[in-house]
Amino acid sequence: MESFDLYINGRFEPGAARFDSLNPATNAPWASVAQAHEAEVDRAVEAAWQAFHRPEWRAMTAGARGKLLLKLADLVEANAPELARLETLDSGKIIRETRAQIAYVAEYYRYYAGLADKMEGHVLAIDKPDMETWVRREPVGVVAAVIPWNSQLFLSAVKIGPAIAAGCTLVVKASEAAPAPLLAFARLIDQAGFPPGVCNVITGFAERCAAPLTRHPKVDRIAFTGGAETARHIVRNSAENLASTSLELGGKSPFIVFDDADLDSAANAQVAAIFSASGQSCVAGSRLLVAESVKEALLERLVAKVRDIVIGCPQQPETQFGPLCTARQKALIEQVVERSLAQGARRLTASAPIDGPGFYYPPTILDCSGCPQAESVTRELFGPVLSVLSFRDEAEAIALANATEYGLAAGVFTQNLTRAHRVTRQLRAGVVWLNTYRAVSPLAPFGGYGQSGFGREGGMEAALEYTTSKTVWLRTSDAPIDDPFVMR
């Protein structure tokens, strides 16, 4: 059994209790993990609050903060193989993706290192001749960053990077479902030389860890990625401390294929959209909306590609499809698919269970053209289930795409440039991919509408969300102040 501890105020500690983390590929415990309760949460927040107000951090220049992030980026890059090994063991994501993704995470830290000294204020052309007035950008304070188990090194980087660049301090809460990679990442924070308390990493369960963290009176901002139901609890908790929040939630993303699309390219992208990471992605393209005239041709390609997917041990480099992260998620998907079949959906792919003790669920395509309200069409499953609907014209495609409470991402495949622009303008989604899918960059803002949350991660837009503005007025006249009872 490997062992992982909490990281609070620059020290590693065993926590109030411990729990075993399961390997989703084997359903066997592989790591012992420290667990934070209320006392550990309070000490972590207090450490972040003290660090934020300590001169060592408050007086540090933006350029110096950037150099710390550059050091962290180099450490992430150097340790990417080990972090990938841990993420694959703990979450079941295939090793070929965790290696590539974590290596790219270093670029996020480098990007925010470069932004640290570029979050500038500005001078106002004020309408009072005896006043000089300017706006400063200042760090918002202590950040509670709540991270899900999937892509956790990436989803923490888009919070830690801009928060540190802005001058904030953090308590990072790793998901209890697969916390080992993020707790191991804390060792790199320690090696990078961050002052104690600037970035703390804990994990634990909802009532004794996440709840006291998100309602803590010394937390100024909450950055959350996860499900909508958990987000509602966090918003209610934030009423206690009035912390500003950003919520990057789930989606039921449409993948729209018009009749002029390159079907081979669309089929490859649809496989990436729903079956990579075993469908466990907030941007999973789980609703295929395809023009009636090319539906059968596209589905023929997709079914053939599903038959060729290499399912196996996620630690093997040839594996393309691994297990789900938890037994609970597997059970939920099984139930929803069965109900959808009863509602009229037609299964197009093999239904035989995957042999082995892990939490495997086969890649599944359901034709829901006759039952657009089937549960698999409307509910985010966070798994490898694709629901297919067809449309007759552009207006119907847009109506189907927007017929959801979510609004995170969308994919559009067409060779018609004017149609691409028209459709993009009408889609209610924070990210639209045209003739591609599942591309990210530290330069590009990311976030959604509606039940997919609010706020953005990535780019300068995200960095500014970790700052607040301060307006400064300087009177430049030496003359006595006029009537003190009249507002200037």
Protein backbone atom coordinates (compact mmCIF):
# COMPACT_ATOMS: atom_id res chain seq x y z
CA MET A 1 0.00 0.00 0.00
CA GLU A 2 1.29 3.44 -0.93
CA SER A 3 0.65 6.27 1.52
CA PHE A 4 -0.40 9.91 1.02
CA ASP A 5 -0.69 12.66 3.63
CA LEU A 6 -2.29 16.08 3.89
CA TYR A 7 -0.15 19.15 3.19
CA ILE A 8 -0.89 22.00 5.61
CA ASN A 9 1.26 25.05 6.31
CA GLY A 10 4.30 23.56 4.60
CA ARG A 11 4.18 20.25 6.45
CA PHE A 12 2.86 16.78 5.66
CA GLU A 13 0.61 15.21 8.27
CA PRO A 14 -1.46 12.02 8.69
CA GLY A 15 -4.84 13.71 9.23
CA ALA A 16 -7.68 12.91 11.60
CA ALA A 17 -8.31 9.50 10.05
CA ARG A 18 -7.31 7.44 7.04
CA PHE A 19 -9.14 5.62 4.27
CA ASP A 20 -8.20 3.23 1.50
CA SER A 21 -8.36 4.33 -2.12
CA LEU A 22 -9.45 1.68 -4.64
CA ASN A 23 -7.88 0.90 -7.99
CA PRO A 24 -10.90 1.03 -10.38
CA ALA A 25 -9.32 -1.55 -12.68
CA THR A 26 -9.13 -4.19 -9.93
CA ASN A 27 -11.56 -2.99 -7.23
CA ALA A 28 -8.72 -3.52 -4.75
CA PRO A 29 -7.25 -1.02 -2.27
CA TRP A 30 -3.85 0.27 -3.33
CA ALA A 31 -3.23 3.40 -1.21
CA SER A 32 -3.77 4.68 2.31
CA VAL A 33 -4.92 8.32 2.29
CA ALA A 34 -5.04 10.87 5.09
CA GLN A 35 -8.45 12.38 5.78
CA ALA A 36 -9.16 15.94 6.90
CA HIS A 37 -11.92 16.69 9.40
CA GLU A 38 -13.08 20.07 10.67
CA ALA A 39 -9.92 20.74 12.71
CA GLU A 40 -7.61 20.07 9.77
CA VAL A 41 -9.78 22.20 7.48
CA ASP A 42 -9.66 25.06 9.93
CA ARG A 43 -5.88 24.83 10.28
CA ALA A 44 -5.44 24.74 6.50
CA VAL A 45 -7.61 27.84 6.02
CA GLU A 46 -5.89 29.60 8.90
CA ALA A 47 -2.50 28.77 7.38
CA ALA A 48 -3.61 30.23 4.04
CA TRP A 49 -5.04 33.33 5.76
CA GLN A 50 -1.87 33.89 7.78
CA ALA A 51 0.30 33.39 4.70
CA PHE A 52 -1.80 35.87 2.72
CA HIS A 53 -1.24 38.57 5.35
CA ARG A 54 2.40 37.76 6.06
CA PRO A 55 4.89 40.29 4.59
CA GLU A 56 6.88 37.46 3.00
CA TRP A 57 3.97 36.91 0.57
CA ARG A 58 2.28 40.32 0.45
CA ALA A 59 5.57 42.07 -0.35
CA MET A 60 6.67 39.49 -2.91
CA THR A 61 6.74 41.01 -6.38
CA ALA A 62 4.54 39.66 -9.15
CA GLY A 63 7.68 38.67 -11.03
CA ALA A 64 8.87 36.62 -8.06
CA ARG A 65 5.52 34.84 -7.90
CA GLY A 66 5.90 34.10 -11.59
CA LYS A 67 9.31 32.51 -10.95
CA LEU A 68 7.76 30.22 -8.33
CA LEU A 69 5.19 29.10 -10.90
CA LEU A 70 7.95 28.50 -13.44
CA LYS A 71 9.77 26.31 -10.93
CA LEU A 72 6.53 24.42 -10.28
CA ALA A 73 6.02 23.96 -14.04
CA ASP A 74 9.48 22.42 -14.40
CA LEU A 75 8.79 20.05 -11.51
CA VAL A 76 5.43 18.99 -12.98
CA GLU A 77 7.07 18.30 -16.31
CA ALA A 78 9.91 16.31 -14.73
CA ASN A 79 7.51 14.30 -12.56
CA ALA A 80 4.76 13.81 -15.16
CA PRO A 81 5.44 10.05 -15.60
CA GLU A 82 5.08 9.40 -11.87
CA LEU A 83 2.03 11.65 -11.51
CA ALA A 84 0.49 9.88 -14.51
CA ARG A 85 1.14 6.49 -12.92
CA LEU A 86 -0.66 7.61 -9.76
CA GLU A 87 -3.60 9.11 -11.63
CA THR A 88 -4.05 5.95 -13.67
CA LEU A 89 -3.89 3.75 -10.57
CA ASP A 90 -6.33 5.92 -8.62
CA SER A 91 -8.86 6.99 -11.28
CA GLY A 92 -8.60 4.32 -13.98
CA LYS A 93 -7.78 6.79 -16.74
CA ILE A 94 -5.57 5.21 -19.36
CA ILE A 95 -1.85 5.86 -19.02
CA ARG A 96 -1.44 7.13 -22.59
CA GLU A 97 -3.76 10.05 -21.76
CA THR A 98 -2.56 10.83 -18.23
CA ARG A 99 1.05 11.04 -19.43
CA ALA A 100 0.22 13.44 -22.25
CA GLN A 101 -2.23 15.53 -20.24
CA ILE A 102 -0.04 16.01 -17.18
CA ALA A 103 2.97 16.92 -19.31
CA TYR A 104 0.81 19.63 -20.90
CA VAL A 105 -0.30 20.87 -17.46
CA ALA A 106 3.18 22.37 -17.09
CA GLU A 107 2.28 24.80 -19.88
CA TYR A 108 -0.61 26.15 -17.79
CA TYR A 109 1.76 27.03 -14.97
CA ARG A 110 4.16 28.64 -17.43
CA TYR A 111 1.34 30.67 -18.95
CA TYR A 112 0.21 32.01 -15.57
CA ALA A 113 3.82 32.62 -14.56
CA GLY A 114 4.01 34.98 -17.54
CA LEU A 115 0.73 36.68 -16.58
CA ALA A 116 1.73 37.36 -12.99
CA ASP A 117 3.23 40.79 -13.72
CA LYS A 118 0.71 41.70 -16.42
CA MET A 119 -2.50 42.04 -14.40
CA GLU A 120 -2.37 45.79 -14.65
CA GLY A 121 -4.51 48.53 -13.17
CA HIS A 122 -5.41 51.68 -15.08
CA VAL A 123 -5.74 55.44 -14.69
CA LEU A 124 -9.20 56.97 -15.12
CA ALA A 125 -9.79 60.05 -17.24
CA ILE A 126 -11.78 61.44 -14.35
CA ASP A 127 -14.15 64.39 -14.80
CA LYS A 128 -12.64 66.39 -11.90
CA PRO A 129 -9.58 68.51 -12.80
CA ASP A 130 -8.11 68.49 -9.27
CA MET A 131 -8.22 64.70 -8.94
CA GLU A 132 -5.91 61.91 -10.05
CA THR A 133 -7.82 58.60 -9.93
CA TRP A 134 -6.62 55.10 -10.68
CA VAL A 135 -7.72 51.48 -10.25
CA ARG A 136 -5.45 48.83 -8.73
CA ARG A 137 -5.85 45.08 -9.21
CA GLU A 138 -5.34 43.27 -5.90
CA PRO A 139 -5.61 39.59 -4.90
CA VAL A 140 -9.02 38.58 -3.63
CA GLY A 141 -7.59 36.64 -0.64
CA VAL A 142 -7.92 33.01 0.44
CA VAL A 143 -9.21 30.62 -2.25
CA ALA A 144 -10.91 27.27 -1.62
CA ALA A 145 -10.30 25.21 -4.77
CA VAL A 146 -12.48 22.09 -4.86
CA ILE A 147 -11.23 19.62 -7.47
CA PRO A 148 -12.99 16.53 -8.91
CA TRP A 149 -11.23 13.22 -9.43
CA ASN A 150 -11.09 13.35 -13.23
CA SER A 151 -8.20 15.26 -14.83
CA GLN A 152 -7.32 16.60 -11.40
CA LEU A 153 -3.81 17.85 -12.20
CA PHE A 154 -5.28 19.83 -15.10
CA LEU A 155 -8.35 21.07 -13.19
CA SER A 156 -6.21 22.18 -10.26
CA ALA A 157 -3.71 23.99 -12.52
CA VAL A 158 -6.45 26.23 -13.93
CA LYS A 159 -7.16 27.35 -10.36
CA ILE A 160 -3.76 27.29 -8.66
CA GLY A 161 -2.00 29.01 -11.59
CA PRO A 162 -4.15 32.16 -11.78
CA ALA A 163 -4.63 32.33 -8.00
CA ILE A 164 -0.88 32.37 -7.32
CA ALA A 165 -0.24 34.74 -10.22
CA ALA A 166 -2.77 37.15 -8.70
CA GLY A 167 -1.20 36.87 -5.24
CA CYS A 168 -3.87 34.75 -3.53
CA THR A 169 -3.30 31.81 -1.20
CA LEU A 170 -5.17 28.51 -1.43
CA VAL A 171 -6.62 25.46 0.22
CA VAL A 172 -6.97 22.81 -2.48
CA LYS A 173 -9.47 20.06 -1.69
CA ALA A 174 -8.88 16.85 -3.68
CA SER A 175 -11.78 14.52 -4.39
CA GLU A 176 -12.04 11.63 -1.98
CA ALA A 177 -12.75 9.36 -4.99
CA ALA A 178 -9.14 9.46 -6.29
CA PRO A 179 -7.03 11.91 -4.27
CA ALA A 180 -3.55 10.40 -4.54
CA PRO A 181 -2.21 12.36 -7.56
CA LEU A 182 -3.09 15.74 -6.07
CA LEU A 183 -1.63 14.84 -2.67
CA ALA A 184 1.53 13.71 -4.47
CA PHE A 185 1.52 17.02 -6.38
CA ALA A 186 1.73 18.77 -2.98
CA ARG A 187 5.29 17.41 -2.72
CA LEU A 188 6.16 19.49 -5.79
CA ILE A 189 4.66 22.61 -4.20
CA ASP A 190 6.95 21.95 -1.27
CA GLN A 191 10.00 21.45 -3.52
CA ALA A 192 9.24 24.59 -5.54
CA GLY A 193 9.82 26.71 -2.44
CA PHE A 194 6.43 28.32 -1.89
CA PRO A 195 6.22 29.98 1.54
CA PRO A 196 4.41 27.80 4.11
CA GLY A 197 0.63 28.13 3.96
CA VAL A 198 0.47 29.66 0.47
CA CYS A 199 -0.87 26.44 -1.08
CA ASN A 200 -2.32 23.71 1.13
CA VAL A 201 -3.68 20.37 -0.17
CA ILE A 202 -6.24 18.31 1.74
CA THR A 203 -8.87 15.67 1.06
CA GLY A 204 -11.84 14.24 2.92
CA PHE A 205 -15.55 13.64 2.70
CA ALA A 206 -18.39 16.09 2.22
CA GLU A 207 -19.77 16.86 5.68
CA ARG A 208 -16.47 16.92 7.57
CA CYS A 209 -14.22 18.44 4.90
CA ALA A 210 -15.86 20.10 1.89
CA ALA A 211 -18.70 21.71 3.86
CA PRO A 212 -16.56 23.36 6.57
CA LEU A 213 -14.11 24.50 3.91
CA THR A 214 -16.63 26.21 1.63
CA ARG A 215 -18.45 27.97 4.48
CA HIS A 216 -15.30 28.97 6.39
CA PRO A 217 -15.40 32.68 7.37
CA LYS A 218 -11.83 33.27 6.16
CA VAL A 219 -12.42 31.93 2.65
CA ASP A 220 -12.83 34.77 0.16
CA ARG A 221 -13.34 32.84 -3.06
CA ILE A 222 -14.51 29.34 -4.00
CA ALA A 223 -13.47 27.77 -7.30
CA PHE A 224 -15.35 24.51 -7.88
CA THR A 225 -15.40 21.90 -10.63
CA GLY A 226 -17.88 19.06 -10.32
CA GLY A 227 -21.56 18.19 -10.43
CA ALA A 228 -24.53 20.53 -10.26
CA GLU A 229 -25.98 19.01 -7.09
CA THR A 230 -22.73 19.48 -5.17
CA ALA A 231 -22.52 23.01 -6.58
CA ARG A 232 -25.88 23.84 -5.03
CA HIS A 233 -24.55 22.80 -1.62
CA ILE A 234 -21.47 24.98 -2.18
CA VAL A 235 -23.55 28.00 -3.15
CA ARG A 236 -25.65 27.53 0.00
CA ASN A 237 -22.46 27.25 2.07
CA SER A 238 -21.09 30.43 0.51
CA ALA A 239 -24.03 32.33 1.99
CA GLU A 240 -22.19 31.91 5.31
CA ASN A 241 -19.01 33.71 4.21
CA LEU A 242 -20.26 35.59 1.11
CA ALA A 243 -17.29 34.22 -0.83
CA SER A 244 -17.34 34.87 -4.55
CA THR A 245 -17.73 31.66 -6.53
CA SER A 246 -16.95 30.19 -9.92
CA LEU A 247 -18.60 26.93 -10.89
CA GLU A 248 -17.43 24.70 -13.74
CA LEU A 249 -20.10 22.02 -13.83
CA GLY A 250 -21.27 19.26 -16.09
CA GLY A 251 -22.79 19.18 -19.53
CA LYS A 252 -24.87 17.29 -22.03
CA SER A 253 -22.92 18.55 -24.98
CA PRO A 254 -24.34 18.29 -28.51
CA PHE A 255 -22.15 16.97 -31.31
CA ILE A 256 -23.78 18.22 -34.54
CA VAL A 257 -22.98 16.62 -37.89
CA PHE A 258 -24.43 18.27 -41.01
CA ASP A 259 -24.92 16.52 -44.33
CA ASP A 260 -21.82 18.13 -45.89
CA ALA A 261 -19.46 17.06 -43.11
CA ASP A 262 -16.37 14.90 -43.61
CA LEU A 263 -17.89 11.77 -42.04
CA ASP A 264 -14.58 10.02 -41.38
CA SER A 265 -13.29 13.04 -39.49
CA ALA A 266 -16.60 13.45 -37.67
CA ALA A 267 -16.60 9.79 -36.64
CA ASN A 268 -13.08 10.01 -35.22
CA ALA A 269 -13.93 13.19 -33.34
CA GLN A 270 -17.15 11.67 -31.98
CA VAL A 271 -15.20 8.71 -30.62
CA ALA A 272 -12.84 11.18 -28.92
CA ALA A 273 -15.77 13.21 -27.64
CA ILE A 274 -17.59 10.40 -25.86
CA PHE A 275 -15.31 7.37 -25.46
CA SER A 276 -11.98 8.95 -24.50
CA ALA A 277 -11.54 8.91 -20.72
CA SER A 278 -14.37 6.32 -20.79
CA GLY A 279 -16.78 9.22 -21.19
CA GLN A 280 -15.82 10.68 -17.83
CA SER A 281 -15.43 14.27 -18.99
CA CYS A 282 -17.56 17.35 -18.36
CA VAL A 283 -17.36 18.18 -22.08
CA ALA A 284 -18.22 14.68 -23.30
CA GLY A 285 -20.11 14.94 -26.58
CA SER A 286 -22.84 12.62 -25.36
CA ARG A 287 -25.62 13.76 -27.76
CA LEU A 288 -24.95 13.05 -31.42
CA LEU A 289 -27.26 15.17 -33.59
CA VAL A 290 -26.87 14.04 -37.19
CA ALA A 291 -28.57 15.02 -40.43
CA GLU A 292 -31.06 12.35 -41.49
CA SER A 293 -29.45 11.93 -44.92
CA VAL A 294 -26.06 10.87 -43.47
CA LYS A 295 -27.21 9.23 -40.23
CA GLU A 296 -26.83 5.61 -41.31
CA ALA A 297 -23.46 6.22 -42.98
CA LEU A 298 -22.09 7.90 -39.86
CA LEU A 299 -23.49 5.30 -37.47
CA GLU A 300 -21.98 2.52 -39.57
CA ARG A 301 -18.56 4.14 -39.13
CA LEU A 302 -19.08 4.69 -35.41
CA VAL A 303 -20.22 1.15 -34.65
CA ALA A 304 -17.19 -0.23 -36.52
CA LYS A 305 -14.86 2.04 -34.55
CA VAL A 306 -16.41 0.96 -31.24
CA ARG A 307 -15.77 -2.69 -32.13
CA ASP A 308 -12.09 -1.85 -32.61
CA ILE A 309 -11.59 0.01 -29.31
CA VAL A 310 -8.90 -1.71 -27.22
CA ILE A 311 -10.37 -2.26 -23.76
CA GLY A 312 -8.04 -3.38 -21.00
CA CYS A 313 -5.77 -2.53 -18.12
CA PRO A 314 -5.35 1.27 -18.06
CA GLN A 315 -1.66 0.94 -17.16
CA GLN A 316 -0.88 -0.75 -20.50
CA PRO A 317 0.14 1.74 -23.22
CA GLU A 318 -1.92 -0.03 -25.91
CA THR A 319 -5.17 0.30 -23.91
CA GLN A 320 -7.61 2.87 -25.31
CA PHE A 321 -10.52 2.40 -22.90
CA GLY A 322 -10.38 1.77 -19.17
CA PRO A 323 -12.79 1.44 -16.24
CA LEU A 324 -15.09 3.98 -14.66
CA CYS A 325 -13.75 5.54 -11.49
CA THR A 326 -16.33 4.20 -9.02
CA ALA A 327 -18.73 1.30 -8.63
CA ARG A 328 -21.51 3.79 -7.90
CA GLN A 329 -21.03 5.45 -11.28
CA LYS A 330 -21.11 2.11 -13.07
CA ALA A 331 -24.35 1.17 -11.32
CA LEU A 332 -25.96 4.50 -12.22
CA ILE A 333 -25.08 4.13 -15.91
CA GLU A 334 -26.42 0.57 -16.01
CA GLN A 335 -29.72 1.73 -14.53
CA VAL A 336 -30.14 4.73 -16.84
CA VAL A 337 -29.33 2.71 -19.96
CA GLU A 338 -31.86 0.04 -19.00
CA ARG A 339 -34.54 2.67 -18.39
CA SER A 340 -33.71 4.36 -21.70
CA LEU A 341 -34.08 1.05 -23.55
CA ALA A 342 -37.47 0.64 -21.91
CA GLN A 343 -38.34 4.16 -23.09
CA GLY A 344 -37.67 3.22 -26.72
CA ALA A 345 -33.92 3.60 -27.26
CA ARG A 346 -32.23 1.04 -29.49
CA ARG A 347 -28.78 -0.30 -28.58
CA LEU A 348 -26.41 -0.36 -31.56
CA THR A 349 -23.33 -1.78 -29.86
CA ALA A 350 -22.54 -4.98 -27.98
CA SER A 351 -24.11 -5.23 -24.55
CA ALA A 352 -21.97 -8.00 -23.07
CA PRO A 353 -20.30 -6.98 -19.79
CA ILE A 354 -16.52 -6.64 -19.74
CA ASP A 355 -14.76 -9.45 -17.91
CA GLY A 356 -12.78 -8.63 -14.79
CA PRO A 357 -13.19 -7.29 -11.28
CA GLY A 358 -12.97 -3.58 -12.14
CA PHE A 359 -15.63 -0.95 -12.79
CA TYR A 360 -15.79 -1.42 -16.56
CA TYR A 361 -18.81 -0.44 -18.65
CA PRO A 362 -18.69 -1.05 -22.42
CA PRO A 363 -18.73 1.83 -24.92
CA THR A 364 -22.39 2.15 -25.83
CA ILE A 365 -24.34 3.80 -28.66
CA LEU A 366 -28.11 4.24 -28.30
CA ASP A 367 -30.31 5.32 -31.21
CA CYS A 368 -32.88 7.58 -29.54
CA SER A 369 -34.42 9.04 -32.70
CA GLY A 370 -37.86 7.79 -31.71
CA CYS A 371 -37.57 8.81 -28.05
CA PRO A 372 -35.89 12.25 -27.73
CA GLN A 373 -36.90 12.45 -24.06
CA ALA A 374 -35.23 9.18 -23.08
CA GLU A 375 -33.21 9.54 -19.87
CA SER A 376 -29.88 8.93 -21.63
CA VAL A 377 -30.60 11.96 -23.85
CA THR A 378 -31.44 14.39 -21.06
CA ARG A 379 -29.29 13.28 -18.11
CA GLU A 380 -25.55 13.74 -17.76
CA LEU A 381 -24.20 10.22 -17.24
CA PHE A 382 -20.46 10.90 -16.99
CA GLY A 383 -19.78 7.69 -18.80
CA PRO A 384 -19.33 6.08 -22.26
CA VAL A 385 -22.92 6.33 -23.51
CA LEU A 386 -23.76 8.13 -26.76
CA SER A 387 -27.38 9.05 -27.51
CA VAL A 388 -28.20 9.61 -31.19
CA LEU A 389 -30.90 11.92 -32.57
CA SER A 390 -31.46 13.00 -36.17
CA PHE A 391 -32.58 16.32 -37.66
CA ARG A 392 -34.02 17.49 -40.96
CA ASP A 393 -32.65 21.03 -41.21
CA GLU A 394 -30.41 23.61 -39.53
CA ALA A 395 -33.21 25.10 -37.42
CA GLU A 396 -34.10 21.71 -35.97
CA ALA A 397 -30.43 20.95 -35.25
CA ILE A 398 -30.08 24.16 -33.25
CA ALA A 399 -33.34 23.56 -31.41
CA LEU A 400 -32.23 20.04 -30.42
CA ALA A 401 -28.77 21.26 -29.39
CA ASN A 402 -30.24 23.92 -27.10
CA ALA A 403 -32.93 21.62 -25.65
CA THR A 404 -30.99 21.09 -22.43
CA GLU A 405 -30.49 22.81 -19.10
CA TYR A 406 -26.73 22.61 -19.66
CA GLY A 407 -24.53 24.84 -21.80
CA LEU A 408 -20.89 23.87 -21.49
CA ALA A 409 -19.62 22.72 -24.89
CA ALA A 410 -20.72 21.85 -28.41
CA GLY A 411 -19.18 20.39 -31.55
CA VAL A 412 -20.18 21.30 -35.10
CA PHE A 413 -19.07 19.45 -38.24
CA THR A 414 -19.72 21.17 -41.55
CA GLN A 415 -17.73 22.32 -44.56
CA ASN A 416 -20.01 25.35 -44.96
CA LEU A 417 -18.23 28.36 -43.44
CA THR A 418 -21.28 30.61 -43.30
CA ARG A 419 -23.32 27.85 -41.64
CA ALA A 420 -20.55 27.36 -39.07
CA HIS A 421 -20.78 31.04 -38.12
CA ARG A 422 -24.59 31.05 -38.04
CA VAL A 423 -24.82 27.94 -35.88
CA THR A 424 -22.06 29.04 -33.50
CA ARG A 425 -23.88 32.30 -32.76
CA GLN A 426 -27.07 30.46 -31.88
CA LEU A 427 -25.64 27.67 -29.72
CA ARG A 428 -25.99 28.18 -25.99
CA ALA A 429 -22.55 26.87 -25.05
CA GLY A 430 -19.46 28.41 -23.51
CA VAL A 431 -17.11 26.47 -25.84
CA VAL A 432 -17.80 25.54 -29.47
CA TRP A 433 -15.45 23.32 -31.45
CA LEU A 434 -15.77 23.48 -35.25
CA ASN A 435 -14.61 20.36 -37.13
CA THR A 436 -12.68 19.22 -34.05
CA TYR A 437 -13.41 18.36 -30.43
CA ARG A 438 -11.84 18.29 -26.95
CA ALA A 439 -9.05 20.80 -27.63
CA VAL A 440 -7.77 23.01 -24.78
CA SER A 441 -5.12 25.66 -24.22
CA PRO A 442 -4.04 27.84 -21.29
CA LEU A 443 -4.78 30.87 -23.47
CA ALA A 444 -8.44 29.98 -24.05
CA PRO A 445 -11.23 30.74 -21.53
CA PHE A 446 -13.37 27.75 -20.59
CA GLY A 447 -16.78 27.61 -18.91
CA GLY A 448 -20.50 27.34 -19.52
CA TYR A 449 -24.03 28.67 -19.24
CA GLY A 450 -27.04 27.55 -17.23
CA GLN A 451 -26.58 24.37 -15.20
CA SER A 452 -23.01 24.16 -16.53
CA GLY A 453 -22.07 26.93 -14.11
CA PHE A 454 -20.61 30.40 -14.32
CA GLY A 455 -17.18 32.02 -14.39
CA ARG A 456 -14.32 31.09 -16.68
CA GLU A 457 -11.06 29.17 -16.34
CA GLY A 458 -8.09 29.71 -18.66
CA GLY A 459 -6.74 32.88 -20.21
CA MET A 460 -6.44 36.37 -18.77
CA GLU A 461 -10.19 36.32 -18.09
CA ALA A 462 -9.71 33.64 -15.44
CA ALA A 463 -6.73 35.37 -13.83
CA LEU A 464 -8.71 38.56 -13.28
CA GLU A 465 -11.38 36.58 -11.42
CA TYR A 466 -8.80 36.04 -8.65
CA THR A 467 -8.38 39.78 -8.23
CA THR A 468 -10.56 42.59 -7.00
CA SER A 469 -10.35 46.26 -7.93
CA LYS A 470 -9.44 49.11 -5.63
CA THR A 471 -10.18 52.67 -6.73
CA VAL A 472 -7.76 55.30 -5.41
CA TRP A 473 -8.54 59.06 -5.39
CA LEU A 474 -5.76 61.62 -5.01
CA ARG A 475 -6.64 65.31 -4.68
CA THR A 476 -3.92 67.34 -6.41
CA SER A 477 -5.05 70.81 -5.29
CA ASP A 478 -3.54 72.61 -2.29
CA ALA A 479 -6.55 74.90 -1.97
CA PRO A 480 -8.87 74.47 0.99
CA ILE A 481 -11.70 71.98 0.49
CA ASP A 482 -14.96 73.65 -0.47
CA ASP A 483 -18.27 73.05 1.28
CA PRO A 484 -17.71 69.84 3.33
CA PHE A 485 -21.43 69.10 3.24
CA VAL A 486 -21.57 68.62 -0.54
CA MET A 487 -20.36 65.48 -2.25
CA ARG A 488 -17.59 66.09 -4.74
